[in-house]
Amino acid sequence: MCRNIRILFNFQPPATEEEIRAAALQFVRKISGVHKPSRANEPAFQAAVDEIAGVSARLLSSLETQAPPKNREEEAAKARARSAKRFG
């Protein structure tokens, strides 16, 4: 499940709120062991996703680097090439 969490820092264009929220959702799913929470647990589950997304957004905005930003399309092409090599 965690393989779907992608690096979001130092890309051009920067990570969107949707990407940050998707990573937070995957994280909460992983640590809770639940893909879709029950109705009783839904508020706690969504609160955790919201908090982690907020913390992640603050982290990404506060990080600094001297490295040039990566190109999303180039990184996606590299990932597809690695996948093709791995899975044929």
N, C-alpha and C. Protein backbone atom coordinates (compact mmCIF):
# COMPACT_ATOMS: atom_id res chain seq x y z
N MET A 1 0.81 -1.19 0.00
CA MET A 1 0.00 0.00 0.00
C MET A 1 0.86 1.26 0.00
N CYS A 2 1.96 1.29 0.72
CA CYS A 2 2.78 2.50 0.81
C CYS A 2 3.52 2.80 -0.49
N ARG A 3 3.58 1.87 -1.38
CA ARG A 3 4.24 2.15 -2.65
C ARG A 3 3.55 3.28 -3.40
N ASN A 4 2.29 3.53 -3.09
CA ASN A 4 1.54 4.57 -3.78
C ASN A 4 1.85 5.96 -3.23
N ILE A 5 2.53 6.05 -2.10
CA ILE A 5 2.89 7.35 -1.58
C ILE A 5 4.14 7.81 -2.33
N ARG A 6 4.00 8.90 -3.02
CA ARG A 6 5.08 9.40 -3.85
C ARG A 6 5.77 10.58 -3.18
N ILE A 7 7.01 10.79 -3.57
CA ILE A 7 7.74 11.96 -3.09
C ILE A 7 7.04 13.19 -3.66
N LEU A 8 6.79 14.16 -2.81
CA LEU A 8 6.06 15.35 -3.23
C LEU A 8 6.91 16.61 -3.16
N PHE A 9 8.11 16.51 -2.62
CA PHE A 9 8.96 17.69 -2.44
C PHE A 9 9.85 17.92 -3.64
N ASN A 10 10.05 19.19 -3.95
CA ASN A 10 11.00 19.65 -4.96
C ASN A 10 10.61 19.24 -6.37
N PHE A 11 9.36 19.46 -6.72
CA PHE A 11 8.89 19.21 -8.07
C PHE A 11 8.38 20.51 -8.67
N GLN A 12 8.45 20.58 -9.97
CA GLN A 12 7.90 21.70 -10.70
C GLN A 12 6.85 21.17 -11.64
N PRO A 13 5.59 21.53 -11.53
CA PRO A 13 4.98 22.39 -10.54
C PRO A 13 4.90 21.71 -9.17
N PRO A 14 4.75 22.49 -8.10
CA PRO A 14 4.69 21.92 -6.75
C PRO A 14 3.50 20.98 -6.57
N ALA A 15 3.57 20.18 -5.53
CA ALA A 15 2.49 19.24 -5.22
C ALA A 15 1.19 19.99 -4.97
N THR A 16 0.11 19.41 -5.44
CA THR A 16 -1.21 20.01 -5.25
C THR A 16 -1.82 19.53 -3.93
N GLU A 17 -2.86 20.22 -3.50
CA GLU A 17 -3.57 19.80 -2.29
C GLU A 17 -4.13 18.38 -2.46
N GLU A 18 -4.58 18.05 -3.66
CA GLU A 18 -5.12 16.72 -3.91
C GLU A 18 -4.05 15.63 -3.76
N GLU A 19 -2.84 15.91 -4.24
CA GLU A 19 -1.75 14.95 -4.11
C GLU A 19 -1.36 14.76 -2.64
N ILE A 20 -1.32 15.86 -1.91
CA ILE A 20 -0.97 15.78 -0.49
C ILE A 20 -2.03 15.00 0.27
N ARG A 21 -3.29 15.27 -0.04
CA ARG A 21 -4.39 14.57 0.64
C ARG A 21 -4.38 13.08 0.28
N ALA A 22 -4.09 12.74 -0.97
CA ALA A 22 -4.03 11.33 -1.38
C ALA A 22 -2.92 10.60 -0.62
N ALA A 23 -1.78 11.26 -0.44
CA ALA A 23 -0.69 10.64 0.32
C ALA A 23 -1.09 10.46 1.78
N ALA A 24 -1.78 11.45 2.35
CA ALA A 24 -2.24 11.35 3.73
C ALA A 24 -3.25 10.21 3.88
N LEU A 25 -4.14 10.07 2.92
CA LEU A 25 -5.12 8.98 2.95
C LEU A 25 -4.43 7.63 2.91
N GLN A 26 -3.45 7.47 2.04
CA GLN A 26 -2.71 6.21 1.96
C GLN A 26 -2.00 5.91 3.27
N PHE A 27 -1.43 6.94 3.88
CA PHE A 27 -0.73 6.77 5.15
C PHE A 27 -1.70 6.29 6.24
N VAL A 28 -2.85 6.95 6.34
CA VAL A 28 -3.82 6.57 7.36
C VAL A 28 -4.34 5.16 7.10
N ARG A 29 -4.57 4.82 5.84
CA ARG A 29 -4.99 3.45 5.51
C ARG A 29 -3.96 2.44 5.95
N LYS A 30 -2.70 2.76 5.72
CA LYS A 30 -1.62 1.83 6.06
C LYS A 30 -1.51 1.63 7.56
N ILE A 31 -1.46 2.72 8.32
CA ILE A 31 -1.26 2.55 9.75
C ILE A 31 -2.49 2.02 10.47
N SER A 32 -3.69 2.27 9.90
CA SER A 32 -4.90 1.76 10.54
C SER A 32 -5.22 0.34 10.10
N GLY A 33 -4.69 -0.06 8.94
CA GLY A 33 -5.01 -1.38 8.41
C GLY A 33 -6.41 -1.45 7.83
N VAL A 34 -7.00 -0.30 7.57
CA VAL A 34 -8.38 -0.23 7.08
C VAL A 34 -8.40 0.54 5.78
N HIS A 35 -8.99 -0.07 4.74
CA HIS A 35 -9.11 0.61 3.46
C HIS A 35 -10.29 1.58 3.49
N LYS A 36 -11.41 1.13 4.03
CA LYS A 36 -12.60 1.96 4.16
C LYS A 36 -13.13 1.76 5.57
N PRO A 37 -13.12 2.82 6.39
CA PRO A 37 -13.55 2.66 7.78
C PRO A 37 -15.05 2.44 7.91
N SER A 38 -15.44 1.86 9.03
CA SER A 38 -16.86 1.70 9.33
C SER A 38 -17.45 3.08 9.60
N ARG A 39 -18.78 3.16 9.61
CA ARG A 39 -19.42 4.44 9.88
C ARG A 39 -19.03 4.98 11.26
N ALA A 40 -18.86 4.08 12.22
CA ALA A 40 -18.48 4.50 13.56
C ALA A 40 -17.08 5.11 13.59
N ASN A 41 -16.19 4.63 12.75
CA ASN A 41 -14.81 5.11 12.74
C ASN A 41 -14.54 6.18 11.69
N GLU A 42 -15.52 6.47 10.84
CA GLU A 42 -15.33 7.44 9.76
C GLU A 42 -14.89 8.82 10.25
N PRO A 43 -15.49 9.39 11.30
CA PRO A 43 -15.03 10.72 11.75
C PRO A 43 -13.57 10.74 12.20
N ALA A 44 -13.16 9.73 12.94
CA ALA A 44 -11.76 9.67 13.39
C ALA A 44 -10.82 9.47 12.21
N PHE A 45 -11.21 8.64 11.27
CA PHE A 45 -10.41 8.36 10.08
C PHE A 45 -10.23 9.65 9.28
N GLN A 46 -11.32 10.38 9.01
CA GLN A 46 -11.24 11.61 8.22
C GLN A 46 -10.48 12.70 8.96
N ALA A 47 -10.64 12.76 10.28
CA ALA A 47 -9.89 13.75 11.07
C ALA A 47 -8.39 13.48 10.96
N ALA A 48 -8.01 12.21 11.00
CA ALA A 48 -6.59 11.86 10.87
C ALA A 48 -6.07 12.24 9.50
N VAL A 49 -6.84 11.97 8.45
CA VAL A 49 -6.42 12.34 7.09
C VAL A 49 -6.26 13.85 6.99
N ASP A 50 -7.21 14.60 7.52
CA ASP A 50 -7.14 16.07 7.47
C ASP A 50 -5.91 16.60 8.21
N GLU A 51 -5.65 16.07 9.39
CA GLU A 51 -4.50 16.53 10.18
C GLU A 51 -3.18 16.20 9.49
N ILE A 52 -3.06 14.99 8.98
CA ILE A 52 -1.82 14.59 8.32
C ILE A 52 -1.62 15.38 7.03
N ALA A 53 -2.68 15.63 6.30
CA ALA A 53 -2.56 16.44 5.08
C ALA A 53 -2.10 17.86 5.44
N GLY A 54 -2.64 18.43 6.50
CA GLY A 54 -2.23 19.77 6.92
C GLY A 54 -0.78 19.83 7.35
N VAL A 55 -0.36 18.86 8.15
CA VAL A 55 1.03 18.80 8.60
C VAL A 55 1.96 18.60 7.41
N SER A 56 1.56 17.75 6.49
CA SER A 56 2.38 17.48 5.31
C SER A 56 2.53 18.73 4.45
N ALA A 57 1.44 19.46 4.26
CA ALA A 57 1.51 20.69 3.47
C ALA A 57 2.44 21.71 4.13
N ARG A 58 2.35 21.83 5.45
CA ARG A 58 3.26 22.75 6.16
C ARG A 58 4.71 22.30 6.03
N LEU A 59 4.94 21.00 6.14
CA LEU A 59 6.30 20.49 5.98
C LEU A 59 6.84 20.81 4.60
N LEU A 60 6.07 20.51 3.56
CA LEU A 60 6.53 20.75 2.20
C LEU A 60 6.82 22.22 1.95
N SER A 61 6.02 23.11 2.52
CA SER A 61 6.24 24.54 2.29
C SER A 61 7.43 25.07 3.07
N SER A 62 7.84 24.38 4.13
CA SER A 62 8.95 24.87 4.94
C SER A 62 10.30 24.26 4.56
N LEU A 63 10.30 23.19 3.78
CA LEU A 63 11.56 22.57 3.39
C LEU A 63 12.31 23.44 2.39
N GLU A 64 13.63 23.38 2.46
CA GLU A 64 14.48 24.13 1.54
C GLU A 64 15.49 23.18 0.92
N THR A 65 15.89 23.49 -0.31
CA THR A 65 16.90 22.71 -0.99
C THR A 65 17.65 23.58 -1.99
N GLN A 66 18.87 23.19 -2.26
CA GLN A 66 19.66 23.86 -3.28
C GLN A 66 19.53 23.15 -4.63
N ALA A 67 18.96 21.95 -4.61
CA ALA A 67 18.82 21.17 -5.84
C ALA A 67 17.75 21.78 -6.74
N PRO A 68 17.95 21.70 -8.03
CA PRO A 68 16.92 22.22 -8.94
C PRO A 68 15.67 21.33 -8.86
N PRO A 69 14.49 21.91 -9.08
CA PRO A 69 13.26 21.11 -9.03
C PRO A 69 13.25 20.03 -10.10
N LYS A 70 12.65 18.89 -9.75
CA LYS A 70 12.54 17.78 -10.70
C LYS A 70 11.33 18.01 -11.60
N ASN A 71 11.42 17.49 -12.79
CA ASN A 71 10.33 17.57 -13.75
C ASN A 71 9.42 16.37 -13.55
N ARG A 72 8.14 16.60 -13.36
CA ARG A 72 7.20 15.51 -13.09
C ARG A 72 7.13 14.50 -14.24
N GLU A 73 7.12 15.00 -15.46
CA GLU A 73 7.00 14.11 -16.61
C GLU A 73 8.23 13.21 -16.75
N GLU A 74 9.41 13.78 -16.54
CA GLU A 74 10.64 12.99 -16.62
C GLU A 74 10.68 11.92 -15.54
N GLU A 75 10.27 12.29 -14.32
CA GLU A 75 10.26 11.32 -13.22
C GLU A 75 9.24 10.21 -13.47
N ALA A 76 8.09 10.56 -14.04
CA ALA A 76 7.07 9.56 -14.36
C ALA A 76 7.58 8.60 -15.44
N ALA A 77 8.31 9.12 -16.41
CA ALA A 77 8.87 8.28 -17.46
C ALA A 77 9.90 7.31 -16.88
N LYS A 78 10.72 7.80 -15.96
CA LYS A 78 11.70 6.93 -15.30
C LYS A 78 11.00 5.82 -14.52
N ALA A 79 9.93 6.18 -13.82
CA ALA A 79 9.17 5.18 -13.05
C ALA A 79 8.56 4.14 -13.96
N ARG A 80 8.02 4.57 -15.11
CA ARG A 80 7.44 3.60 -16.06
C ARG A 80 8.53 2.66 -16.60
N ALA A 81 9.70 3.21 -16.87
CA ALA A 81 10.81 2.38 -17.38
C ALA A 81 11.23 1.35 -16.31
N ARG A 82 11.32 1.78 -15.04
CA ARG A 82 11.67 0.85 -13.97
C ARG A 82 10.60 -0.25 -13.83
N SER A 83 9.35 0.14 -13.96
CA SER A 83 8.27 -0.82 -13.84
C SER A 83 8.30 -1.83 -14.98
N ALA A 84 8.54 -1.33 -16.19
CA ALA A 84 8.61 -2.22 -17.36
C ALA A 84 9.77 -3.21 -17.22
N LYS A 85 10.90 -2.73 -16.71
CA LYS A 85 12.05 -3.60 -16.52
C LYS A 85 11.76 -4.64 -15.44
N ARG A 86 11.08 -4.21 -14.37
CA ARG A 86 10.79 -5.10 -13.27
C ARG A 86 9.72 -6.13 -13.60
N PHE A 87 8.66 -5.69 -14.26
CA PHE A 87 7.50 -6.57 -14.49
C PHE A 87 7.39 -7.05 -15.93
N GLY A 88 8.21 -6.53 -16.81
CA GLY A 88 8.22 -7.00 -18.19
C GLY A 88 7.16 -6.53 -19.04
